[in-house]
Amino acid sequence: MTLIQRLVVSLLPKRWSDAIRAESQSWVLRCSVCGTARSVWDMGGIRYKAASVGRRVVVRCGQCGKFREMSLERKPTNPL
């Protein structure tokens, strides 16, 4: 975990930190070259109460090993 993730988990109430972690894991970054997808949380980030469509960011791809433009997508949720 990154420093900011450790601070969120240690300083906030468990219910809040669990919600932040779950929502951050529902956002994925997909590499434009190899198609690999990883959650924002797994890449060391936090994304909570956010909304964006078509956003692209430049980060290092874990598969390619190079900085790539990645699309930020939200995993579809299962309605009950």
PDB file of N, CA and C in Angstrom:
ATOM      1  N   MET A   1       0.845  -1.183   0.000  1.00  0.00           N
ATOM      2  CA  MET A   1       0.000   0.000   0.000  1.00  0.00           C
ATOM      3  C   MET A   1       0.886   1.242   0.000  1.00  0.00           C
ATOM      4  N   THR A   2       0.384   2.267  -0.659  1.00  0.00           N
ATOM      5  CA  THR A   2       1.100   3.528  -0.679  1.00  0.00           C
ATOM      6  C   THR A   2       0.843   4.275   0.634  1.00  0.00           C
ATOM      7  N   LEU A   3       1.575   5.338   0.833  1.00  0.00           N
ATOM      8  CA  LEU A   3       1.432   6.122   2.061  1.00  0.00           C
ATOM      9  C   LEU A   3       0.001   6.637   2.221  1.00  0.00           C
ATOM     10  N   ILE A   4      -0.564   7.184   1.171  1.00  0.00           N
ATOM     11  CA  ILE A   4      -1.924   7.724   1.271  1.00  0.00           C
ATOM     12  C   ILE A   4      -2.940   6.626   1.570  1.00  0.00           C
ATOM     13  N   GLN A   5      -2.743   5.445   1.004  1.00  0.00           N
ATOM     14  CA  GLN A   5      -3.647   4.330   1.289  1.00  0.00           C
ATOM     15  C   GLN A   5      -3.508   3.894   2.745  1.00  0.00           C
ATOM     16  N   ARG A   6      -2.292   3.834   3.254  1.00  0.00           N
ATOM     17  CA  ARG A   6      -2.089   3.463   4.659  1.00  0.00           C
ATOM     18  C   ARG A   6      -2.718   4.486   5.592  1.00  0.00           C
ATOM     19  N   LEU A   7      -2.624   5.778   5.240  1.00  0.00           N
ATOM     20  CA  LEU A   7      -3.246   6.817   6.067  1.00  0.00           C
ATOM     21  C   LEU A   7      -4.764   6.668   6.083  1.00  0.00           C
ATOM     22  N   VAL A   8      -5.347   6.424   4.932  1.00  0.00           N
ATOM     23  CA  VAL A   8      -6.810   6.251   4.855  1.00  0.00           C
ATOM     24  C   VAL A   8      -7.241   5.066   5.706  1.00  0.00           C
ATOM     25  N   VAL A   9      -6.539   3.955   5.586  1.00  0.00           N
ATOM     26  CA  VAL A   9      -6.910   2.743   6.318  1.00  0.00           C
ATOM     27  C   VAL A   9      -6.703   2.916   7.819  1.00  0.00           C
ATOM     28  N   SER A  10      -5.649   3.612   8.218  1.00  0.00           N
ATOM     29  CA  SER A  10      -5.345   3.710   9.645  1.00  0.00           C
ATOM     30  C   SER A  10      -6.086   4.847  10.358  1.00  0.00           C
ATOM     31  N   LEU A  11      -6.377   5.952   9.663  1.00  0.00           N
ATOM     32  CA  LEU A  11      -6.968   7.109  10.334  1.00  0.00           C
ATOM     33  C   LEU A  11      -8.498   7.156  10.273  1.00  0.00           C
ATOM     34  N   LEU A  12      -9.069   6.642   9.219  1.00  0.00           N
ATOM     35  CA  LEU A  12     -10.527   6.699   9.075  1.00  0.00           C
ATOM     36  C   LEU A  12     -11.186   5.492   9.741  1.00  0.00           C
ATOM     37  N   PRO A  13     -12.452   5.630  10.115  1.00  0.00           N
ATOM     38  CA  PRO A  13     -13.174   4.475  10.659  1.00  0.00           C
ATOM     39  C   PRO A  13     -13.185   3.334   9.644  1.00  0.00           C
ATOM     40  N   LYS A  14     -13.220   2.117  10.139  1.00  0.00           N
ATOM     41  CA  LYS A  14     -13.131   0.934   9.287  1.00  0.00           C
ATOM     42  C   LYS A  14     -14.203   0.920   8.199  1.00  0.00           C
ATOM     43  N   ARG A  15     -15.411   1.310   8.538  1.00  0.00           N
ATOM     44  CA  ARG A  15     -16.494   1.316   7.566  1.00  0.00           C
ATOM     45  C   ARG A  15     -16.176   2.257   6.391  1.00  0.00           C
ATOM     46  N   TRP A  16     -15.619   3.433   6.697  1.00  0.00           N
ATOM     47  CA  TRP A  16     -15.272   4.395   5.648  1.00  0.00           C
ATOM     48  C   TRP A  16     -14.100   3.896   4.814  1.00  0.00           C
ATOM     49  N   SER A  17     -13.074   3.397   5.479  1.00  0.00           N
ATOM     50  CA  SER A  17     -11.903   2.934   4.725  1.00  0.00           C
ATOM     51  C   SER A  17     -12.247   1.727   3.850  1.00  0.00           C
ATOM     52  N   ASP A  18     -13.146   0.864   4.324  1.00  0.00           N
ATOM     53  CA  ASP A  18     -13.590  -0.276   3.505  1.00  0.00           C
ATOM     54  C   ASP A  18     -14.356   0.203   2.276  1.00  0.00           C
ATOM     55  N   ALA A  19     -15.178   1.240   2.458  1.00  0.00           N
ATOM     56  CA  ALA A  19     -15.935   1.788   1.332  1.00  0.00           C
ATOM     57  C   ALA A  19     -15.006   2.437   0.310  1.00  0.00           C
ATOM     58  N   ILE A  20     -14.004   3.156   0.773  1.00  0.00           N
ATOM     59  CA  ILE A  20     -13.037   3.794  -0.125  1.00  0.00           C
ATOM     60  C   ILE A  20     -12.254   2.740  -0.882  1.00  0.00           C
ATOM     61  N   ARG A  21     -11.831   1.705  -0.186  1.00  0.00           N
ATOM     62  CA  ARG A  21     -11.071   0.625  -0.838  1.00  0.00           C
ATOM     63  C   ARG A  21     -11.932  -0.088  -1.890  1.00  0.00           C
ATOM     64  N   ALA A  22     -13.180  -0.401  -1.537  1.00  0.00           N
ATOM     65  CA  ALA A  22     -14.064  -1.107  -2.467  1.00  0.00           C
ATOM     66  C   ALA A  22     -14.337  -0.270  -3.712  1.00  0.00           C
ATOM     67  N   GLU A  23     -14.594   1.017  -3.533  1.00  0.00           N
ATOM     68  CA  GLU A  23     -14.859   1.861  -4.702  1.00  0.00           C
ATOM     69  C   GLU A  23     -13.610   2.048  -5.544  1.00  0.00           C
ATOM     70  N   SER A  24     -12.457   2.174  -4.923  1.00  0.00           N
ATOM     71  CA  SER A  24     -11.207   2.301  -5.675  1.00  0.00           C
ATOM     72  C   SER A  24     -10.908   1.041  -6.467  1.00  0.00           C
ATOM     73  N   GLN A  25     -11.313  -0.108  -5.946  1.00  0.00           N
ATOM     74  CA  GLN A  25     -11.095  -1.359  -6.666  1.00  0.00           C
ATOM     75  C   GLN A  25     -12.097  -1.533  -7.809  1.00  0.00           C
ATOM     76  N   SER A  26     -13.194  -0.786  -7.788  1.00  0.00           N
ATOM     77  CA  SER A  26     -14.160  -0.886  -8.876  1.00  0.00           C
ATOM     78  C   SER A  26     -13.752  -0.045 -10.087  1.00  0.00           C
ATOM     79  N   TRP A  27     -12.784   0.853  -9.922  1.00  0.00           N
ATOM     80  CA  TRP A  27     -12.249   1.636 -11.031  1.00  0.00           C
ATOM     81  C   TRP A  27     -11.016   0.925 -11.567  1.00  0.00           C
ATOM     82  N   VAL A  28     -10.927   0.747 -12.885  1.00  0.00           N
ATOM     83  CA  VAL A  28      -9.779   0.069 -13.484  1.00  0.00           C
ATOM     84  C   VAL A  28      -9.105   0.963 -14.519  1.00  0.00           C
ATOM     85  N   LEU A  29      -7.800   0.789 -14.640  1.00  0.00           N
ATOM     86  CA  LEU A  29      -7.009   1.444 -15.678  1.00  0.00           C
ATOM     87  C   LEU A  29      -6.658   0.385 -16.704  1.00  0.00           C
ATOM     88  N   ARG A  30      -6.998   0.644 -17.974  1.00  0.00           N
ATOM     89  CA  ARG A  30      -6.764  -0.324 -19.046  1.00  0.00           C
ATOM     90  C   ARG A  30      -5.725   0.250 -20.007  1.00  0.00           C
ATOM     91  N   CYS A  31      -4.648  -0.526 -20.230  1.00  0.00           N
ATOM     92  CA  CYS A  31      -3.562  -0.119 -21.122  1.00  0.00           C
ATOM     93  C   CYS A  31      -4.068  -0.060 -22.563  1.00  0.00           C
ATOM     94  N   SER A  32      -3.703   1.016 -23.260  1.00  0.00           N
ATOM     95  CA  SER A  32      -4.146   1.193 -24.645  1.00  0.00           C
ATOM     96  C   SER A  32      -3.367   0.321 -25.621  1.00  0.00           C
ATOM     97  N   VAL A  33      -2.229  -0.228 -25.196  1.00  0.00           N
ATOM     98  CA  VAL A  33      -1.403  -1.048 -26.094  1.00  0.00           C
ATOM     99  C   VAL A  33      -1.664  -2.537 -25.890  1.00  0.00           C
ATOM    100  N   CYS A  34      -1.492  -3.023 -24.658  1.00  0.00           N
ATOM    101  CA  CYS A  34      -1.615  -4.470 -24.420  1.00  0.00           C
ATOM    102  C   CYS A  34      -2.978  -4.884 -23.870  1.00  0.00           C
ATOM    103  N   GLY A  35      -3.793  -3.929 -23.409  1.00  0.00           N
ATOM    104  CA  GLY A  35      -5.128  -4.241 -22.920  1.00  0.00           C
ATOM    105  C   GLY A  35      -5.193  -4.711 -21.480  1.00  0.00           C
ATOM    106  N   THR A  36      -4.065  -4.753 -20.786  1.00  0.00           N
ATOM    107  CA  THR A  36      -4.050  -5.170 -19.386  1.00  0.00           C
ATOM    108  C   THR A  36      -4.854  -4.188 -18.538  1.00  0.00           C
ATOM    109  N   ALA A  37      -5.638  -4.707 -17.602  1.00  0.00           N
ATOM    110  CA  ALA A  37      -6.449  -3.861 -16.725  1.00  0.00           C
ATOM    111  C   ALA A  37      -6.089  -4.149 -15.270  1.00  0.00           C
ATOM    112  N   ARG A  38      -5.893  -3.070 -14.503  1.00  0.00           N
ATOM    113  CA  ARG A  38      -5.633  -3.184 -13.062  1.00  0.00           C
ATOM    114  C   ARG A  38      -6.467  -2.149 -12.339  1.00  0.00           C
ATOM    115  N   SER A  39      -6.873  -2.476 -11.118  1.00  0.00           N
ATOM    116  CA  SER A  39      -7.691  -1.533 -10.360  1.00  0.00           C
ATOM    117  C   SER A  39      -6.843  -0.350  -9.895  1.00  0.00           C
ATOM    118  N   VAL A  40      -7.514   0.758  -9.683  1.00  0.00           N
ATOM    119  CA  VAL A  40      -6.840   1.963  -9.208  1.00  0.00           C
ATOM    120  C   VAL A  40      -6.180   1.676  -7.858  1.00  0.00           C
ATOM    121  N   TRP A  41      -6.851   0.927  -6.993  1.00  0.00           N
ATOM    122  CA  TRP A  41      -6.296   0.598  -5.674  1.00  0.00           C
ATOM    123  C   TRP A  41      -5.009  -0.220  -5.819  1.00  0.00           C
ATOM    124  N   ASP A  42      -5.024  -1.207  -6.712  1.00  0.00           N
ATOM    125  CA  ASP A  42      -3.841  -2.045  -6.903  1.00  0.00           C
ATOM    126  C   ASP A  42      -2.661  -1.261  -7.477  1.00  0.00           C
ATOM    127  N   MET A  43      -2.951  -0.171  -8.180  1.00  0.00           N
ATOM    128  CA  MET A  43      -1.887   0.656  -8.740  1.00  0.00           C
ATOM    129  C   MET A  43      -1.434   1.730  -7.754  1.00  0.00           C
ATOM    130  N   GLY A  44      -2.001   1.715  -6.547  1.00  0.00           N
ATOM    131  CA  GLY A  44      -1.554   2.637  -5.507  1.00  0.00           C
ATOM    132  C   GLY A  44      -2.378   3.896  -5.370  1.00  0.00           C
ATOM    133  N   GLY A  45      -3.511   3.955  -6.052  1.00  0.00           N
ATOM    134  CA  GLY A  45      -4.332   5.155  -6.016  1.00  0.00           C
ATOM    135  C   GLY A  45      -5.598   4.995  -5.218  1.00  0.00           C
ATOM    136  N   ILE A  46      -6.312   6.108  -5.097  1.00  0.00           N
ATOM    137  CA  ILE A  46      -7.603   6.128  -4.424  1.00  0.00           C
ATOM    138  C   ILE A  46      -8.560   6.891  -5.332  1.00  0.00           C
ATOM    139  N   ARG A  47      -9.734   6.348  -5.513  1.00  0.00           N
ATOM    140  CA  ARG A  47     -10.777   7.008  -6.296  1.00  0.00           C
ATOM    141  C   ARG A  47     -12.076   6.774  -5.554  1.00  0.00           C
ATOM    142  N   TYR A  48     -12.640   7.858  -4.993  1.00  0.00           N
ATOM    143  CA  TYR A  48     -13.831   7.727  -4.156  1.00  0.00           C
ATOM    144  C   TYR A  48     -14.812   8.851  -4.483  1.00  0.00           C
ATOM    145  N   LYS A  49     -16.055   8.490  -4.640  1.00  0.00           N
ATOM    146  CA  LYS A  49     -17.126   9.446  -4.955  1.00  0.00           C
ATOM    147  C   LYS A  49     -16.782  10.239  -6.209  1.00  0.00           C
ATOM    148  N   ALA A  50     -16.208   9.560  -7.182  1.00  0.00           N
ATOM    149  CA  ALA A  50     -15.785  10.216  -8.417  1.00  0.00           C
ATOM    150  C   ALA A  50     -16.651   9.759  -9.581  1.00  0.00           C
ATOM    151  N   ALA A  51     -16.718  10.607 -10.573  1.00  0.00           N
ATOM    152  CA  ALA A  51     -17.442  10.262 -11.794  1.00  0.00           C
ATOM    153  C   ALA A  51     -16.698  10.872 -12.964  1.00  0.00           C
ATOM    154  N   SER A  52     -16.398  10.071 -13.933  1.00  0.00           N
ATOM    155  CA  SER A  52     -15.778  10.589 -15.149  1.00  0.00           C
ATOM    156  C   SER A  52     -16.025   9.589 -16.264  1.00  0.00           C
ATOM    157  N   VAL A  53     -16.203  10.112 -17.452  1.00  0.00           N
ATOM    158  CA  VAL A  53     -16.426   9.270 -18.609  1.00  0.00           C
ATOM    159  C   VAL A  53     -15.362   9.623 -19.641  1.00  0.00           C
ATOM    160  N   GLY A  54     -14.644   8.609 -20.111  1.00  0.00           N
ATOM    161  CA  GLY A  54     -13.646   8.831 -21.146  1.00  0.00           C
ATOM    162  C   GLY A  54     -12.344   9.442 -20.680  1.00  0.00           C
ATOM    163  N   ARG A  55     -12.089   9.458 -19.394  1.00  0.00           N
ATOM    164  CA  ARG A  55     -10.848  10.036 -18.890  1.00  0.00           C
ATOM    165  C   ARG A  55      -9.680   9.120 -19.221  1.00  0.00           C
ATOM    166  N   ARG A  56      -8.557   9.717 -19.586  1.00  0.00           N
ATOM    167  CA  ARG A  56      -7.348   8.967 -19.898  1.00  0.00           C
ATOM    168  C   ARG A  56      -6.206   9.561 -19.084  1.00  0.00           C
ATOM    169  N   VAL A  57      -5.351   8.681 -18.556  1.00  0.00           N
ATOM    170  CA  VAL A  57      -4.204   9.104 -17.766  1.00  0.00           C
ATOM    171  C   VAL A  57      -2.961   8.381 -18.270  1.00  0.00           C
ATOM    172  N   VAL A  58      -1.794   8.961 -17.989  1.00  0.00           N
ATOM    173  CA  VAL A  58      -0.538   8.337 -18.382  1.00  0.00           C
ATOM    174  C   VAL A  58       0.119   7.773 -17.127  1.00  0.00           C
ATOM    175  N   VAL A  59       0.265   6.449 -17.093  1.00  0.00           N
ATOM    176  CA  VAL A  59       0.911   5.757 -15.977  1.00  0.00           C
ATOM    177  C   VAL A  59       1.737   4.596 -16.527  1.00  0.00           C
ATOM    178  N   ARG A  60       2.582   4.036 -15.677  1.00  0.00           N
ATOM    179  CA  ARG A  60       3.400   2.904 -16.099  1.00  0.00           C
ATOM    180  C   ARG A  60       2.559   1.628 -16.090  1.00  0.00           C
ATOM    181  N   CYS A  61       2.583   0.923 -17.203  1.00  0.00           N
ATOM    182  CA  CYS A  61       1.853  -0.338 -17.328  1.00  0.00           C
ATOM    183  C   CYS A  61       2.666  -1.444 -16.664  1.00  0.00           C
ATOM    184  N   GLY A  62       2.014  -2.254 -15.851  1.00  0.00           N
ATOM    185  CA  GLY A  62       2.698  -3.357 -15.179  1.00  0.00           C
ATOM    186  C   GLY A  62       3.095  -4.464 -16.135  1.00  0.00           C
ATOM    187  N   GLN A  63       2.385  -4.597 -17.244  1.00  0.00           N
ATOM    188  CA  GLN A  63       2.671  -5.641 -18.222  1.00  0.00           C
ATOM    189  C   GLN A  63       3.750  -5.186 -19.206  1.00  0.00           C
ATOM    190  N   CYS A  64       3.561  -4.012 -19.808  1.00  0.00           N
ATOM    191  CA  CYS A  64       4.517  -3.488 -20.804  1.00  0.00           C
ATOM    192  C   CYS A  64       5.789  -2.962 -20.149  1.00  0.00           C
ATOM    193  N   GLY A  65       5.642  -2.388 -18.949  1.00  0.00           N
ATOM    194  CA  GLY A  65       6.773  -1.787 -18.262  1.00  0.00           C
ATOM    195  C   GLY A  65       7.092  -0.381 -18.733  1.00  0.00           C
ATOM    196  N   LYS A  66       6.237   0.194 -19.573  1.00  0.00           N
ATOM    197  CA  LYS A  66       6.470   1.535 -20.107  1.00  0.00           C
ATOM    198  C   LYS A  66       5.307   2.440 -19.740  1.00  0.00           C
ATOM    199  N   PHE A  67       5.573   3.750 -19.774  1.00  0.00           N
ATOM    200  CA  PHE A  67       4.497   4.696 -19.539  1.00  0.00           C
ATOM    201  C   PHE A  67       3.565   4.680 -20.742  1.00  0.00           C
ATOM    202  N   ARG A  68       2.298   4.478 -20.461  1.00  0.00           N
ATOM    203  CA  ARG A  68       1.289   4.372 -21.510  1.00  0.00           C
ATOM    204  C   ARG A  68       0.066   5.209 -21.129  1.00  0.00           C
ATOM    205  N   GLU A  69      -0.674   5.581 -22.145  1.00  0.00           N
ATOM    206  CA  GLU A  69      -1.948   6.234 -21.901  1.00  0.00           C
ATOM    207  C   GLU A  69      -2.967   5.142 -21.596  1.00  0.00           C
ATOM    208  N   MET A  70      -3.653   5.280 -20.476  1.00  0.00           N
ATOM    209  CA  MET A  70      -4.633   4.274 -20.069  1.00  0.00           C
ATOM    210  C   MET A  70      -5.989   4.929 -19.883  1.00  0.00           C
ATOM    211  N   SER A  71      -7.018   4.183 -20.238  1.00  0.00           N
ATOM    212  CA  SER A  71      -8.376   4.680 -20.033  1.00  0.00           C
ATOM    213  C   SER A  71      -8.840   4.285 -18.639  1.00  0.00           C
ATOM    214  N   LEU A  72      -9.542   5.196 -18.003  1.00  0.00           N
ATOM    215  CA  LEU A  72     -10.072   4.978 -16.659  1.00  0.00           C
ATOM    216  C   LEU A  72     -11.532   4.579 -16.812  1.00  0.00           C
ATOM    217  N   GLU A  73     -11.868   3.377 -16.343  1.00  0.00           N
ATOM    218  CA  GLU A  73     -13.214   2.840 -16.506  1.00  0.00           C
ATOM    219  C   GLU A  73     -13.736   2.339 -15.174  1.00  0.00           C
ATOM    220  N   ARG A  74     -15.039   2.346 -15.047  1.00  0.00           N
ATOM    221  CA  ARG A  74     -15.663   1.796 -13.841  1.00  0.00           C
ATOM    222  C   ARG A  74     -16.235   0.436 -14.191  1.00  0.00           C
ATOM    223  N   LYS A  75     -15.933  -0.564 -13.368  1.00  0.00           N
ATOM    224  CA  LYS A  75     -16.509  -1.895 -13.582  1.00  0.00           C
ATOM    225  C   LYS A  75     -18.012  -1.799 -13.395  1.00  0.00           C
ATOM    226  N   PRO A  76     -18.787  -2.496 -14.212  1.00  0.00           N
ATOM    227  CA  PRO A  76     -20.240  -2.479 -14.031  1.00  0.00           C
ATOM    228  C   PRO A  76     -20.613  -3.148 -12.710  1.00  0.00           C
ATOM    229  N   THR A  77     -21.599  -2.580 -12.035  1.00  0.00           N
ATOM    230  CA  THR A  77     -22.064  -3.168 -10.780  1.00  0.00           C
ATOM    231  C   THR A  77     -23.243  -4.079 -11.061  1.00  0.00           C
ATOM    232  N   ASN A  78     -23.386  -5.088 -10.232  1.00  0.00           N
ATOM    233  CA  ASN A  78     -24.496  -6.037 -10.371  1.00  0.00           C
ATOM    234  C   ASN A  78     -25.705  -5.540  -9.592  1.00  0.00           C
ATOM    235  N   PRO A  79     -26.808  -5.231 -10.272  1.00  0.00           N
ATOM    236  CA  PRO A  79     -28.006  -4.801  -9.549  1.00  0.00           C
ATOM    237  C   PRO A  79     -28.614  -5.980  -8.795  1.00  0.00           C
ATOM    238  N   LEU A  80     -29.162  -5.702  -7.647  1.00  0.00           N
ATOM    239  CA  LEU A  80     -29.778  -6.769  -6.822  1.00  0.00           C
ATOM    240  C   LEU A  80     -31.203  -7.003  -7.205  1.00  0.00           C
TER     241      LEU A  80
END
